[in-house]
Amino acid sequence: VVELDFLYPSEGIHRRWDSGYRITATAATCDQTALVLSIPRRKLNDETQETLRTSAFPSTHVK
């Protein structure tokens, strides 16, 4: 599945998450982000993933 979302990408990510997709790779430039979402072949032990919508670098939000 290929999806381009320039306004609110976290909404599309959450929709895909609910359909069983998981974030498997990421890449970024200073003004763009690319995410690869895949359906795992086997059940994962830890499914913790987060998305953060911010206009500033999220250094104060990162764990």
N, C-alpha and C. Protein backbone atom coordinates (compact mmCIF):
# COMPACT_ATOMS: atom_id res chain seq x y z
N VAL A 1 0.85 -1.17 0.00
CA VAL A 1 0.00 0.00 0.00
C VAL A 1 0.89 1.23 0.00
N VAL A 2 0.61 2.17 -0.88
CA VAL A 2 1.33 3.44 -0.91
C VAL A 2 0.32 4.53 -0.62
N GLU A 3 0.65 5.39 0.33
CA GLU A 3 -0.25 6.48 0.71
C GLU A 3 0.58 7.75 0.87
N LEU A 4 0.15 8.82 0.25
CA LEU A 4 0.79 10.12 0.42
C LEU A 4 -0.14 11.00 1.23
N ASP A 5 0.37 11.52 2.32
CA ASP A 5 -0.45 12.36 3.20
C ASP A 5 0.42 13.50 3.69
N PHE A 6 0.18 14.69 3.17
CA PHE A 6 1.01 15.84 3.49
C PHE A 6 0.44 16.71 4.60
N LEU A 7 -0.84 16.54 4.95
CA LEU A 7 -1.45 17.41 5.95
C LEU A 7 -1.41 16.81 7.35
N TYR A 8 -2.02 15.65 7.53
CA TYR A 8 -2.10 15.03 8.86
C TYR A 8 -1.72 13.56 8.75
N PRO A 9 -0.44 13.26 8.57
CA PRO A 9 -0.04 11.86 8.35
C PRO A 9 -0.35 10.94 9.52
N SER A 10 -0.42 11.46 10.74
CA SER A 10 -0.68 10.57 11.88
C SER A 10 -2.07 9.94 11.79
N GLU A 11 -3.03 10.62 11.17
CA GLU A 11 -4.36 10.04 11.02
C GLU A 11 -4.31 8.79 10.14
N GLY A 12 -3.58 8.87 9.03
CA GLY A 12 -3.42 7.72 8.16
C GLY A 12 -2.66 6.60 8.83
N ILE A 13 -1.65 6.95 9.62
CA ILE A 13 -0.88 5.95 10.35
C ILE A 13 -1.78 5.22 11.33
N HIS A 14 -2.60 5.95 12.05
CA HIS A 14 -3.49 5.31 13.02
C HIS A 14 -4.53 4.42 12.33
N ARG A 15 -5.02 4.84 11.16
CA ARG A 15 -5.95 3.99 10.40
C ARG A 15 -5.27 2.68 9.99
N ARG A 16 -4.04 2.80 9.49
CA ARG A 16 -3.30 1.60 9.08
C ARG A 16 -3.01 0.71 10.29
N TRP A 17 -2.67 1.33 11.43
CA TRP A 17 -2.39 0.57 12.66
C TRP A 17 -3.61 -0.28 13.02
N ASP A 18 -4.78 0.33 12.96
CA ASP A 18 -6.01 -0.39 13.29
C ASP A 18 -6.28 -1.54 12.32
N SER A 19 -5.69 -1.46 11.12
CA SER A 19 -5.85 -2.52 10.12
C SER A 19 -4.76 -3.59 10.22
N GLY A 20 -3.85 -3.46 11.19
CA GLY A 20 -2.82 -4.47 11.38
C GLY A 20 -1.44 -4.11 10.89
N TYR A 21 -1.27 -2.92 10.31
CA TYR A 21 0.04 -2.50 9.83
C TYR A 21 0.89 -1.99 10.99
N ARG A 22 2.21 -2.14 10.86
CA ARG A 22 3.15 -1.63 11.85
C ARG A 22 4.25 -0.86 11.14
N ILE A 23 4.81 0.15 11.79
CA ILE A 23 5.91 0.93 11.22
C ILE A 23 7.15 0.06 11.23
N THR A 24 7.72 -0.17 10.03
CA THR A 24 8.89 -1.03 9.93
C THR A 24 10.14 -0.30 9.48
N ALA A 25 10.01 0.92 8.95
CA ALA A 25 11.17 1.70 8.55
C ALA A 25 10.78 3.17 8.45
N THR A 26 11.76 4.04 8.64
CA THR A 26 11.53 5.48 8.52
C THR A 26 12.71 6.14 7.83
N ALA A 27 12.47 7.30 7.25
CA ALA A 27 13.52 8.14 6.67
C ALA A 27 13.02 9.57 6.74
N ALA A 28 13.94 10.53 6.80
CA ALA A 28 13.51 11.92 6.92
C ALA A 28 14.55 12.87 6.36
N THR A 29 14.06 14.01 5.88
CA THR A 29 14.89 15.16 5.56
C THR A 29 14.47 16.25 6.53
N CYS A 30 14.98 17.46 6.34
CA CYS A 30 14.62 18.54 7.26
C CYS A 30 13.15 18.94 7.15
N ASP A 31 12.48 18.62 6.03
CA ASP A 31 11.08 19.03 5.88
C ASP A 31 10.13 17.92 5.42
N GLN A 32 10.60 16.68 5.32
CA GLN A 32 9.74 15.57 4.89
C GLN A 32 10.06 14.31 5.69
N THR A 33 9.07 13.47 5.83
CA THR A 33 9.25 12.18 6.51
C THR A 33 8.60 11.09 5.68
N ALA A 34 9.26 9.96 5.60
CA ALA A 34 8.70 8.79 4.91
C ALA A 34 8.63 7.64 5.91
N LEU A 35 7.50 6.95 5.90
CA LEU A 35 7.31 5.79 6.77
C LEU A 35 6.95 4.59 5.92
N VAL A 36 7.51 3.45 6.25
CA VAL A 36 7.13 2.19 5.62
C VAL A 36 6.30 1.43 6.64
N LEU A 37 5.08 1.08 6.25
CA LEU A 37 4.20 0.31 7.13
C LEU A 37 3.96 -1.05 6.49
N SER A 38 4.09 -2.09 7.29
CA SER A 38 3.95 -3.46 6.80
C SER A 38 3.10 -4.26 7.77
N ILE A 39 2.47 -5.30 7.25
CA ILE A 39 1.73 -6.22 8.12
C ILE A 39 2.70 -7.33 8.52
N PRO A 40 2.95 -7.50 9.81
CA PRO A 40 3.90 -8.54 10.26
C PRO A 40 3.41 -9.94 9.91
N ARG A 41 4.35 -10.82 9.62
CA ARG A 41 4.01 -12.22 9.31
C ARG A 41 3.67 -12.99 10.58
N ARG A 42 4.27 -12.57 11.70
CA ARG A 42 3.98 -13.24 12.97
C ARG A 42 3.66 -12.19 14.02
N LYS A 43 3.02 -12.61 15.10
CA LYS A 43 2.63 -11.69 16.16
C LYS A 43 3.86 -11.18 16.89
N LEU A 44 3.91 -9.87 17.11
CA LEU A 44 5.03 -9.25 17.81
C LEU A 44 4.82 -9.30 19.31
N ASN A 45 5.90 -9.47 20.07
CA ASN A 45 5.81 -9.47 21.53
C ASN A 45 5.51 -8.08 22.07
N ASP A 46 6.16 -7.06 21.51
CA ASP A 46 5.99 -5.69 21.97
C ASP A 46 5.50 -4.84 20.81
N GLU A 47 4.27 -4.33 20.89
CA GLU A 47 3.70 -3.54 19.81
C GLU A 47 3.66 -2.06 20.15
N THR A 48 4.56 -1.59 21.02
CA THR A 48 4.56 -0.19 21.42
C THR A 48 5.16 0.66 20.31
N GLN A 49 4.36 1.55 19.74
CA GLN A 49 4.81 2.53 18.77
C GLN A 49 4.01 3.80 19.01
N GLU A 50 4.63 4.95 18.77
CA GLU A 50 3.94 6.22 18.97
C GLU A 50 4.11 7.12 17.76
N THR A 51 3.14 7.99 17.55
CA THR A 51 3.29 9.08 16.60
C THR A 51 3.07 10.37 17.37
N LEU A 52 3.81 11.40 17.02
CA LEU A 52 3.73 12.68 17.71
C LEU A 52 3.54 13.77 16.67
N ARG A 53 2.48 14.53 16.78
CA ARG A 53 2.22 15.63 15.85
C ARG A 53 2.70 16.92 16.50
N THR A 54 3.74 17.53 15.93
CA THR A 54 4.28 18.77 16.48
C THR A 54 4.92 19.58 15.36
N SER A 55 4.95 20.89 15.52
CA SER A 55 5.60 21.75 14.53
C SER A 55 7.04 22.05 14.94
N ALA A 56 7.42 21.68 16.16
CA ALA A 56 8.78 21.89 16.65
C ALA A 56 9.45 20.53 16.86
N PHE A 57 10.76 20.55 16.91
CA PHE A 57 11.46 19.29 17.16
C PHE A 57 11.03 18.73 18.51
N PRO A 58 10.65 17.47 18.56
CA PRO A 58 10.02 16.92 19.77
C PRO A 58 10.99 16.51 20.88
N SER A 59 12.11 17.20 21.04
CA SER A 59 13.09 16.78 22.04
C SER A 59 12.53 16.77 23.46
N THR A 60 11.55 17.62 23.74
CA THR A 60 10.98 17.62 25.08
C THR A 60 9.95 16.51 25.26
N HIS A 61 9.54 15.86 24.16
CA HIS A 61 8.52 14.82 24.22
C HIS A 61 9.10 13.41 24.15
N VAL A 62 10.34 13.28 23.67
CA VAL A 62 10.94 11.97 23.48
C VAL A 62 11.29 11.35 24.82
N LYS A 63 10.99 10.06 24.97
CA LYS A 63 11.27 9.36 26.22
C LYS A 63 12.75 9.10 26.38
